[in-house]
Amino acid sequence: MRVVSHRRLVEFYEAEGHGDSKTALERWYNVAEKADWRNLSDIKVDFPSTDYVGNQHYVFNIKGNKYRLVVVVKFTISHLFVRFVGTHSEYNKIDASTI
């Protein structure tokens, strides 16, 4: 899969107070880049707690659910678009299916 954009992940974990997310986000990125996911079942092999929230949006728990990552997955073109990365409390303030 092609992850667009890794820069958003880097900006998040380099921001003050989020440095503890670096290892988990980089692990997610490395697994996702090497993956050949065709559906949610494929994703769940690598990340069992992943949720589909509608409109091609998927939510990943990062670092034991301290952080949330929302991506749009386009299976037909093997692309993942990072739409949101933030704390669990920040995630609760958004509509994950439309962000």
PDB file of N, CA and C in Angstrom:
ATOM      1  N   MET A   1       0.851  -1.172   0.000  1.00  0.00           N
ATOM      2  CA  MET A   1       0.000   0.000   0.000  1.00  0.00           C
ATOM      3  C   MET A   1       0.903   1.244   0.000  1.00  0.00           C
ATOM      4  N   ARG A   2       0.405   2.290  -0.572  1.00  0.00           N
ATOM      5  CA  ARG A   2       1.117   3.567  -0.593  1.00  0.00           C
ATOM      6  C   ARG A   2       0.459   4.475   0.428  1.00  0.00           C
ATOM      7  N   VAL A   3       1.229   4.953   1.403  1.00  0.00           N
ATOM      8  CA  VAL A   3       0.699   5.819   2.450  1.00  0.00           C
ATOM      9  C   VAL A   3       0.926   7.274   2.068  1.00  0.00           C
ATOM     10  N   VAL A   4      -0.164   8.046   2.027  1.00  0.00           N
ATOM     11  CA  VAL A   4      -0.131   9.475   1.734  1.00  0.00           C
ATOM     12  C   VAL A   4      -0.782  10.166   2.933  1.00  0.00           C
ATOM     13  N   SER A   5      -0.163  10.849   3.790  1.00  0.00           N
ATOM     14  CA  SER A   5       1.186  11.328   3.735  1.00  0.00           C
ATOM     15  C   SER A   5       1.897  10.973   5.046  1.00  0.00           C
ATOM     16  N   HIS A   6       3.072  10.434   4.899  1.00  0.00           N
ATOM     17  CA  HIS A   6       3.910  10.095   6.049  1.00  0.00           C
ATOM     18  C   HIS A   6       4.259  11.355   6.842  1.00  0.00           C
ATOM     19  N   ARG A   7       4.370  12.462   6.159  1.00  0.00           N
ATOM     20  CA  ARG A   7       4.722  13.731   6.802  1.00  0.00           C
ATOM     21  C   ARG A   7       3.762  14.088   7.940  1.00  0.00           C
ATOM     22  N   ARG A   8       2.478  13.804   7.780  1.00  0.00           N
ATOM     23  CA  ARG A   8       1.511  14.107   8.842  1.00  0.00           C
ATOM     24  C   ARG A   8       1.814  13.328  10.116  1.00  0.00           C
ATOM     25  N   LEU A   9       2.254  12.083   9.947  1.00  0.00           N
ATOM     26  CA  LEU A   9       2.614  11.272  11.105  1.00  0.00           C
ATOM     27  C   LEU A   9       3.835  11.862  11.796  1.00  0.00           C
ATOM     28  N   VAL A  10       4.839  12.235  10.998  1.00  0.00           N
ATOM     29  CA  VAL A  10       6.072  12.808  11.541  1.00  0.00           C
ATOM     30  C   VAL A  10       5.775  14.115  12.269  1.00  0.00           C
ATOM     31  N   GLU A  11       4.984  14.969  11.663  1.00  0.00           N
ATOM     32  CA  GLU A  11       4.642  16.245  12.300  1.00  0.00           C
ATOM     33  C   GLU A  11       3.937  16.019  13.634  1.00  0.00           C
ATOM     34  N   PHE A  12       3.103  14.991  13.683  1.00  0.00           N
ATOM     35  CA  PHE A  12       2.393  14.713  14.929  1.00  0.00           C
ATOM     36  C   PHE A  12       3.351  14.267  16.021  1.00  0.00           C
ATOM     37  N   TYR A  13       4.180  13.264  15.741  1.00  0.00           N
ATOM     38  CA  TYR A  13       5.036  12.765  16.820  1.00  0.00           C
ATOM     39  C   TYR A  13       6.201  13.690  17.148  1.00  0.00           C
ATOM     40  N   GLU A  14       6.515  14.632  16.274  1.00  0.00           N
ATOM     41  CA  GLU A  14       7.537  15.623  16.596  1.00  0.00           C
ATOM     42  C   GLU A  14       6.983  16.809  17.382  1.00  0.00           C
ATOM     43  N   ALA A  15       5.659  16.924  17.429  1.00  0.00           N
ATOM     44  CA  ALA A  15       5.028  17.997  18.193  1.00  0.00           C
ATOM     45  C   ALA A  15       5.201  17.735  19.689  1.00  0.00           C
ATOM     46  N   GLU A  16       5.279  18.799  20.436  1.00  0.00           N
ATOM     47  CA  GLU A  16       5.482  18.691  21.875  1.00  0.00           C
ATOM     48  C   GLU A  16       4.374  17.855  22.517  1.00  0.00           C
ATOM     49  N   GLY A  17       4.799  16.907  23.330  1.00  0.00           N
ATOM     50  CA  GLY A  17       3.847  16.078  24.056  1.00  0.00           C
ATOM     51  C   GLY A  17       3.431  14.803  23.354  1.00  0.00           C
ATOM     52  N   HIS A  18       3.852  14.599  22.109  1.00  0.00           N
ATOM     53  CA  HIS A  18       3.445  13.411  21.361  1.00  0.00           C
ATOM     54  C   HIS A  18       4.608  12.502  20.978  1.00  0.00           C
ATOM     55  N   GLY A  19       5.777  12.782  21.506  1.00  0.00           N
ATOM     56  CA  GLY A  19       6.962  12.007  21.164  1.00  0.00           C
ATOM     57  C   GLY A  19       6.838  10.529  21.460  1.00  0.00           C
ATOM     58  N   ASP A  20       5.989  10.178  22.436  1.00  0.00           N
ATOM     59  CA  ASP A  20       5.818   8.768  22.781  1.00  0.00           C
ATOM     60  C   ASP A  20       5.067   7.981  21.705  1.00  0.00           C
ATOM     61  N   SER A  21       4.516   8.669  20.721  1.00  0.00           N
ATOM     62  CA  SER A  21       3.788   7.984  19.646  1.00  0.00           C
ATOM     63  C   SER A  21       4.693   7.601  18.472  1.00  0.00           C
ATOM     64  N   LYS A  22       5.941   8.056  18.477  1.00  0.00           N
ATOM     65  CA  LYS A  22       6.817   7.850  17.321  1.00  0.00           C
ATOM     66  C   LYS A  22       6.988   6.380  16.958  1.00  0.00           C
ATOM     67  N   THR A  23       7.354   5.563  17.909  1.00  0.00           N
ATOM     68  CA  THR A  23       7.599   4.146  17.623  1.00  0.00           C
ATOM     69  C   THR A  23       6.351   3.475  17.067  1.00  0.00           C
ATOM     70  N   ALA A  24       5.213   3.718  17.686  1.00  0.00           N
ATOM     71  CA  ALA A  24       3.966   3.087  17.248  1.00  0.00           C
ATOM     72  C   ALA A  24       3.539   3.568  15.861  1.00  0.00           C
ATOM     73  N   LEU A  25       3.661   4.864  15.595  1.00  0.00           N
ATOM     74  CA  LEU A  25       3.278   5.392  14.280  1.00  0.00           C
ATOM     75  C   LEU A  25       4.224   4.915  13.182  1.00  0.00           C
ATOM     76  N   GLU A  26       5.501   4.866  13.480  1.00  0.00           N
ATOM     77  CA  GLU A  26       6.451   4.375  12.480  1.00  0.00           C
ATOM     78  C   GLU A  26       6.246   2.883  12.218  1.00  0.00           C
ATOM     79  N   ARG A  27       5.905   2.134  13.256  1.00  0.00           N
ATOM     80  CA  ARG A  27       5.601   0.714  13.066  1.00  0.00           C
ATOM     81  C   ARG A  27       4.373   0.570  12.163  1.00  0.00           C
ATOM     82  N   TRP A  28       3.317   1.352  12.448  1.00  0.00           N
ATOM     83  CA  TRP A  28       2.115   1.295  11.616  1.00  0.00           C
ATOM     84  C   TRP A  28       2.484   1.622  10.165  1.00  0.00           C
ATOM     85  N   TYR A  29       3.249   2.680   9.967  1.00  0.00           N
ATOM     86  CA  TYR A  29       3.644   3.102   8.630  1.00  0.00           C
ATOM     87  C   TYR A  29       4.406   1.995   7.901  1.00  0.00           C
ATOM     88  N   ASN A  30       5.391   1.411   8.561  1.00  0.00           N
ATOM     89  CA  ASN A  30       6.204   0.366   7.927  1.00  0.00           C
ATOM     90  C   ASN A  30       5.375  -0.864   7.560  1.00  0.00           C
ATOM     91  N   VAL A  31       4.470  -1.272   8.431  1.00  0.00           N
ATOM     92  CA  VAL A  31       3.594  -2.411   8.132  1.00  0.00           C
ATOM     93  C   VAL A  31       2.666  -2.062   6.976  1.00  0.00           C
ATOM     94  N   ALA A  32       2.067  -0.882   7.024  1.00  0.00           N
ATOM     95  CA  ALA A  32       1.112  -0.474   5.983  1.00  0.00           C
ATOM     96  C   ALA A  32       1.783  -0.357   4.614  1.00  0.00           C
ATOM     97  N   GLU A  33       2.972   0.200   4.568  1.00  0.00           N
ATOM     98  CA  GLU A  33       3.686   0.354   3.290  1.00  0.00           C
ATOM     99  C   GLU A  33       3.991  -0.997   2.634  1.00  0.00           C
ATOM    100  N   LYS A  34       4.224  -2.014   3.432  1.00  0.00           N
ATOM    101  CA  LYS A  34       4.562  -3.337   2.899  1.00  0.00           C
ATOM    102  C   LYS A  34       3.325  -4.203   2.645  1.00  0.00           C
ATOM    103  N   ALA A  35       2.188  -3.762   3.120  1.00  0.00           N
ATOM    104  CA  ALA A  35       0.968  -4.571   3.054  1.00  0.00           C
ATOM    105  C   ALA A  35       0.365  -4.577   1.656  1.00  0.00           C
ATOM    106  N   ASP A  36      -0.448  -5.586   1.433  1.00  0.00           N
ATOM    107  CA  ASP A  36      -1.239  -5.697   0.204  1.00  0.00           C
ATOM    108  C   ASP A  36      -2.680  -5.965   0.618  1.00  0.00           C
ATOM    109  N   TRP A  37      -3.246  -5.010   1.349  1.00  0.00           N
ATOM    110  CA  TRP A  37      -4.594  -5.171   1.872  1.00  0.00           C
ATOM    111  C   TRP A  37      -5.622  -5.032   0.755  1.00  0.00           C
ATOM    112  N   ARG A  38      -6.608  -5.917   0.769  1.00  0.00           N
ATOM    113  CA  ARG A  38      -7.695  -5.881  -0.209  1.00  0.00           C
ATOM    114  C   ARG A  38      -9.053  -5.632   0.432  1.00  0.00           C
ATOM    115  N   ASN A  39      -9.097  -5.721   1.780  1.00  0.00           N
ATOM    116  CA  ASN A  39     -10.347  -5.523   2.506  1.00  0.00           C
ATOM    117  C   ASN A  39     -10.047  -5.398   3.996  1.00  0.00           C
ATOM    118  N   LEU A  40     -11.091  -5.160   4.790  1.00  0.00           N
ATOM    119  CA  LEU A  40     -10.916  -4.985   6.225  1.00  0.00           C
ATOM    120  C   LEU A  40     -10.341  -6.236   6.883  1.00  0.00           C
ATOM    121  N   SER A  41     -10.723  -7.397   6.418  1.00  0.00           N
ATOM    122  CA  SER A  41     -10.187  -8.638   6.998  1.00  0.00           C
ATOM    123  C   SER A  41      -8.669  -8.703   6.852  1.00  0.00           C
ATOM    124  N   ASP A  42      -8.153  -8.251   5.718  1.00  0.00           N
ATOM    125  CA  ASP A  42      -6.704  -8.217   5.518  1.00  0.00           C
ATOM    126  C   ASP A  42      -6.037  -7.253   6.507  1.00  0.00           C
ATOM    127  N   ILE A  43      -6.651  -6.094   6.708  1.00  0.00           N
ATOM    128  CA  ILE A  43      -6.101  -5.114   7.642  1.00  0.00           C
ATOM    129  C   ILE A  43      -6.062  -5.698   9.049  1.00  0.00           C
ATOM    130  N   LYS A  44      -7.142  -6.383   9.428  1.00  0.00           N
ATOM    131  CA  LYS A  44      -7.240  -6.920  10.780  1.00  0.00           C
ATOM    132  C   LYS A  44      -6.216  -8.015  11.068  1.00  0.00           C
ATOM    133  N   VAL A  45      -5.645  -8.624  10.042  1.00  0.00           N
ATOM    134  CA  VAL A  45      -4.559  -9.580  10.271  1.00  0.00           C
ATOM    135  C   VAL A  45      -3.371  -8.857  10.911  1.00  0.00           C
ATOM    136  N   ASP A  46      -3.082  -7.644  10.432  1.00  0.00           N
ATOM    137  CA  ASP A  46      -1.967  -6.852  10.957  1.00  0.00           C
ATOM    138  C   ASP A  46      -2.365  -5.995  12.152  1.00  0.00           C
ATOM    139  N   PHE A  47      -3.574  -5.461  12.127  1.00  0.00           N
ATOM    140  CA  PHE A  47      -4.056  -4.565  13.180  1.00  0.00           C
ATOM    141  C   PHE A  47      -5.475  -4.980  13.581  1.00  0.00           C
ATOM    142  N   PRO A  48      -5.590  -5.940  14.502  1.00  0.00           N
ATOM    143  CA  PRO A  48      -6.897  -6.518  14.848  1.00  0.00           C
ATOM    144  C   PRO A  48      -7.935  -5.536  15.380  1.00  0.00           C
ATOM    145  N   SER A  49      -7.518  -4.424  15.961  1.00  0.00           N
ATOM    146  CA  SER A  49      -8.486  -3.494  16.545  1.00  0.00           C
ATOM    147  C   SER A  49      -8.984  -2.435  15.572  1.00  0.00           C
ATOM    148  N   THR A  50      -8.619  -2.547  14.307  1.00  0.00           N
ATOM    149  CA  THR A  50      -9.042  -1.568  13.306  1.00  0.00           C
ATOM    150  C   THR A  50     -10.560  -1.581  13.153  1.00  0.00           C
ATOM    151  N   ASP A  51     -11.142  -0.396  13.030  1.00  0.00           N
ATOM    152  CA  ASP A  51     -12.589  -0.267  12.831  1.00  0.00           C
ATOM    153  C   ASP A  51     -12.881   0.447  11.530  1.00  0.00           C
ATOM    154  N   TYR A  52     -13.912  -0.025  10.841  1.00  0.00           N
ATOM    155  CA  TYR A  52     -14.437   0.666   9.669  1.00  0.00           C
ATOM    156  C   TYR A  52     -15.546   1.579  10.153  1.00  0.00           C
ATOM    157  N   VAL A  53     -15.466   2.875   9.826  1.00  0.00           N
ATOM    158  CA  VAL A  53     -16.458   3.831  10.315  1.00  0.00           C
ATOM    159  C   VAL A  53     -17.307   4.419   9.191  1.00  0.00           C
ATOM    160  N   GLY A  54     -17.193   3.857   8.000  1.00  0.00           N
ATOM    161  CA  GLY A  54     -18.002   4.309   6.874  1.00  0.00           C
ATOM    162  C   GLY A  54     -17.233   5.200   5.925  1.00  0.00           C
ATOM    163  N   ASN A  55     -17.731   5.288   4.702  1.00  0.00           N
ATOM    164  CA  ASN A  55     -17.184   6.204   3.706  1.00  0.00           C
ATOM    165  C   ASN A  55     -15.695   5.958   3.426  1.00  0.00           C
ATOM    166  N   GLN A  56     -15.277   4.699   3.431  1.00  0.00           N
ATOM    167  CA  GLN A  56     -13.897   4.280   3.175  1.00  0.00           C
ATOM    168  C   GLN A  56     -12.913   4.739   4.255  1.00  0.00           C
ATOM    169  N   HIS A  57     -13.417   5.131   5.423  1.00  0.00           N
ATOM    170  CA  HIS A  57     -12.600   5.600   6.538  1.00  0.00           C
ATOM    171  C   HIS A  57     -12.391   4.470   7.547  1.00  0.00           C
ATOM    172  N   TYR A  58     -11.137   4.304   7.956  1.00  0.00           N
ATOM    173  CA  TYR A  58     -10.760   3.266   8.912  1.00  0.00           C
ATOM    174  C   TYR A  58     -10.006   3.908  10.069  1.00  0.00           C
ATOM    175  N   VAL A  59     -10.260   3.406  11.274  1.00  0.00           N
ATOM    176  CA  VAL A  59      -9.646   3.951  12.478  1.00  0.00           C
ATOM    177  C   VAL A  59      -8.709   2.904  13.079  1.00  0.00           C
ATOM    178  N   PHE A  60      -7.480   3.346  13.345  1.00  0.00           N
ATOM    179  CA  PHE A  60      -6.467   2.500  13.964  1.00  0.00           C
ATOM    180  C   PHE A  60      -6.173   3.030  15.364  1.00  0.00           C
ATOM    181  N   ASN A  61      -6.106   2.131  16.323  1.00  0.00           N
ATOM    182  CA  ASN A  61      -5.678   2.487  17.669  1.00  0.00           C
ATOM    183  C   ASN A  61      -4.154   2.470  17.685  1.00  0.00           C
ATOM    184  N   ILE A  62      -3.580   3.540  18.186  1.00  0.00           N
ATOM    185  CA  ILE A  62      -2.128   3.688  18.222  1.00  0.00           C
ATOM    186  C   ILE A  62      -1.679   3.790  19.677  1.00  0.00           C
ATOM    187  N   LYS A  63      -0.633   3.062  19.996  1.00  0.00           N
ATOM    188  CA  LYS A  63      -0.041   3.061  21.341  1.00  0.00           C
ATOM    189  C   LYS A  63      -1.083   2.742  22.411  1.00  0.00           C
ATOM    190  N   GLY A  64      -1.691   1.570  22.261  1.00  0.00           N
ATOM    191  CA  GLY A  64      -2.646   1.119  23.268  1.00  0.00           C
ATOM    192  C   GLY A  64      -3.874   1.988  23.375  1.00  0.00           C
ATOM    193  N   ASN A  65      -4.298   2.572  22.253  1.00  0.00           N
ATOM    194  CA  ASN A  65      -5.495   3.403  22.163  1.00  0.00           C
ATOM    195  C   ASN A  65      -5.312   4.794  22.776  1.00  0.00           C
ATOM    196  N   LYS A  66      -4.076   5.180  23.076  1.00  0.00           N
ATOM    197  CA  LYS A  66      -3.826   6.547  23.544  1.00  0.00           C
ATOM    198  C   LYS A  66      -4.035   7.530  22.398  1.00  0.00           C
ATOM    199  N   TYR A  67      -3.697   7.087  21.199  1.00  0.00           N
ATOM    200  CA  TYR A  67      -3.850   7.910  20.003  1.00  0.00           C
ATOM    201  C   TYR A  67      -4.723   7.197  18.994  1.00  0.00           C
ATOM    202  N   ARG A  68      -5.293   7.961  18.087  1.00  0.00           N
ATOM    203  CA  ARG A  68      -6.117   7.412  17.019  1.00  0.00           C
ATOM    204  C   ARG A  68      -5.609   7.932  15.681  1.00  0.00           C
ATOM    205  N   LEU A  69      -5.677   7.050  14.699  1.00  0.00           N
ATOM    206  CA  LEU A  69      -5.268   7.369  13.337  1.00  0.00           C
ATOM    207  C   LEU A  69      -6.433   7.045  12.423  1.00  0.00           C
ATOM    208  N   VAL A  70      -6.872   8.024  11.639  1.00  0.00           N
ATOM    209  CA  VAL A  70      -7.964   7.816  10.691  1.00  0.00           C
ATOM    210  C   VAL A  70      -7.382   7.918   9.291  1.00  0.00           C
ATOM    211  N   VAL A  71      -7.631   6.895   8.486  1.00  0.00           N
ATOM    212  CA  VAL A  71      -7.159   6.894   7.099  1.00  0.00           C
ATOM    213  C   VAL A  71      -8.306   6.538   6.169  1.00  0.00           C
ATOM    214  N   VAL A  72      -8.230   7.073   4.970  1.00  0.00           N
ATOM    215  CA  VAL A  72      -9.118   6.656   3.892  1.00  0.00           C
ATOM    216  C   VAL A  72      -8.352   5.598   3.112  1.00  0.00           C
ATOM    217  N   VAL A  73      -8.985   4.456   2.905  1.00  0.00           N
ATOM    218  CA  VAL A  73      -8.340   3.362   2.199  1.00  0.00           C
ATOM    219  C   VAL A  73      -8.997   3.188   0.843  1.00  0.00           C
ATOM    220  N   LYS A  74      -8.190   3.291  -0.192  1.00  0.00           N
ATOM    221  CA  LYS A  74      -8.627   3.040  -1.569  1.00  0.00           C
ATOM    222  C   LYS A  74      -7.995   1.711  -1.996  1.00  0.00           C
ATOM    223  N   PHE A  75      -8.714   0.627  -1.748  1.00  0.00           N
ATOM    224  CA  PHE A  75      -8.169  -0.697  -2.023  1.00  0.00           C
ATOM    225  C   PHE A  75      -7.836  -0.896  -3.500  1.00  0.00           C
ATOM    226  N   THR A  76      -8.648  -0.342  -4.396  1.00  0.00           N
ATOM    227  CA  THR A  76      -8.449  -0.582  -5.826  1.00  0.00           C
ATOM    228  C   THR A  76      -7.151   0.000  -6.366  1.00  0.00           C
ATOM    229  N   ILE A  77      -6.659   1.063  -5.727  1.00  0.00           N
ATOM    230  CA  ILE A  77      -5.400   1.670  -6.174  1.00  0.00           C
ATOM    231  C   ILE A  77      -4.288   1.510  -5.141  1.00  0.00           C
ATOM    232  N   SER A  78      -4.568   0.760  -4.080  1.00  0.00           N
ATOM    233  CA  SER A  78      -3.583   0.468  -3.026  1.00  0.00           C
ATOM    234  C   SER A  78      -3.000   1.721  -2.384  1.00  0.00           C
ATOM    235  N   HIS A  79      -3.882   2.654  -2.049  1.00  0.00           N
ATOM    236  CA  HIS A  79      -3.450   3.897  -1.401  1.00  0.00           C
ATOM    237  C   HIS A  79      -4.174   4.080  -0.062  1.00  0.00           C
ATOM    238  N   LEU A  80      -3.432   4.614   0.908  1.00  0.00           N
ATOM    239  CA  LEU A  80      -3.973   5.004   2.202  1.00  0.00           C
ATOM    240  C   LEU A  80      -3.742   6.497   2.356  1.00  0.00           C
ATOM    241  N   PHE A  81      -4.782   7.233   2.662  1.00  0.00           N
ATOM    242  CA  PHE A  81      -4.667   8.672   2.833  1.00  0.00           C
ATOM    243  C   PHE A  81      -4.865   9.012   4.307  1.00  0.00           C
ATOM    244  N   VAL A  82      -3.826   9.540   4.950  1.00  0.00           N
ATOM    245  CA  VAL A  82      -3.912   9.906   6.353  1.00  0.00           C
ATOM    246  C   VAL A  82      -4.804  11.139   6.468  1.00  0.00           C
ATOM    247  N   ARG A  83      -5.891  11.000   7.215  1.00  0.00           N
ATOM    248  CA  ARG A  83      -6.842  12.103   7.369  1.00  0.00           C
ATOM    249  C   ARG A  83      -6.762  12.751   8.747  1.00  0.00           C
ATOM    250  N   PHE A  84      -6.381  11.960   9.763  1.00  0.00           N
ATOM    251  CA  PHE A  84      -6.340  12.483  11.129  1.00  0.00           C
ATOM    252  C   PHE A  84      -5.392  11.638  11.960  1.00  0.00           C
ATOM    253  N   VAL A  85      -4.625  12.296  12.780  1.00  0.00           N
ATOM    254  CA  VAL A  85      -3.859  11.618  13.827  1.00  0.00           C
ATOM    255  C   VAL A  85      -3.931  12.524  15.044  1.00  0.00           C
ATOM    256  N   GLY A  86      -4.327  11.950  16.172  1.00  0.00           N
ATOM    257  CA  GLY A  86      -4.483  12.760  17.374  1.00  0.00           C
ATOM    258  C   GLY A  86      -4.729  11.908  18.592  1.00  0.00           C
ATOM    259  N   THR A  87      -4.941  12.584  19.695  1.00  0.00           N
ATOM    260  CA  THR A  87      -5.216  11.888  20.945  1.00  0.00           C
ATOM    261  C   THR A  87      -6.631  11.312  20.898  1.00  0.00           C
ATOM    262  N   HIS A  88      -6.890  10.414  21.821  1.00  0.00           N
ATOM    263  CA  HIS A  88      -8.221   9.818  21.881  1.00  0.00           C
ATOM    264  C   HIS A  88      -9.271  10.899  22.143  1.00  0.00           C
ATOM    265  N   SER A  89      -8.975  11.848  23.022  1.00  0.00           N
ATOM    266  CA  SER A  89      -9.945  12.908  23.317  1.00  0.00           C
ATOM    267  C   SER A  89     -10.167  13.826  22.108  1.00  0.00           C
ATOM    268  N   GLU A  90      -9.123  14.092  21.325  1.00  0.00           N
ATOM    269  CA  GLU A  90      -9.292  14.887  20.097  1.00  0.00           C
ATOM    270  C   GLU A  90     -10.141  14.121  19.091  1.00  0.00           C
ATOM    271  N   TYR A  91      -9.924  12.820  19.017  1.00  0.00           N
ATOM    272  CA  TYR A  91     -10.698  11.969  18.108  1.00  0.00           C
ATOM    273  C   TYR A  91     -12.189  12.029  18.445  1.00  0.00           C
ATOM    274  N   ASN A  92     -12.507  12.077  19.725  1.00  0.00           N
ATOM    275  CA  ASN A  92     -13.912  12.101  20.146  1.00  0.00           C
ATOM    276  C   ASN A  92     -14.645  13.360  19.686  1.00  0.00           C
ATOM    277  N   LYS A  93     -13.911  14.384  19.249  1.00  0.00           N
ATOM    278  CA  LYS A  93     -14.519  15.646  18.819  1.00  0.00           C
ATOM    279  C   LYS A  93     -14.751  15.726  17.315  1.00  0.00           C
ATOM    280  N   ILE A  94     -14.365  14.677  16.569  1.00  0.00           N
ATOM    281  CA  ILE A  94     -14.506  14.712  15.117  1.00  0.00           C
ATOM    282  C   ILE A  94     -15.499  13.658  14.658  1.00  0.00           C
ATOM    283  N   ASP A  95     -15.932  13.784  13.415  1.00  0.00           N
ATOM    284  CA  ASP A  95     -16.723  12.742  12.774  1.00  0.00           C
ATOM    285  C   ASP A  95     -15.745  11.963  11.890  1.00  0.00           C
ATOM    286  N   ALA A  96     -15.321  10.818  12.366  1.00  0.00           N
ATOM    287  CA  ALA A  96     -14.263  10.044  11.697  1.00  0.00           C
ATOM    288  C   ALA A  96     -14.658   9.580  10.301  1.00  0.00           C
ATOM    289  N   SER A  97     -15.932   9.515  10.010  1.00  0.00           N
ATOM    290  CA  SER A  97     -16.357   9.032   8.693  1.00  0.00           C
ATOM    291  C   SER A  97     -16.347  10.123   7.629  1.00  0.00           C
ATOM    292  N   THR A  98     -16.163  11.384   8.036  1.00  0.00           N
ATOM    293  CA  THR A  98     -16.194  12.468   7.048  1.00  0.00           C
ATOM    294  C   THR A  98     -14.945  13.333   7.062  1.00  0.00           C
ATOM    295  N   ILE A  99     -14.070  13.131   7.986  1.00  0.00           N
ATOM    296  CA  ILE A  99     -12.882  13.981   8.093  1.00  0.00           C
ATOM    297  C   ILE A  99     -11.965  13.806   6.896  1.00  0.00           C
TER     298      ILE A  99
END
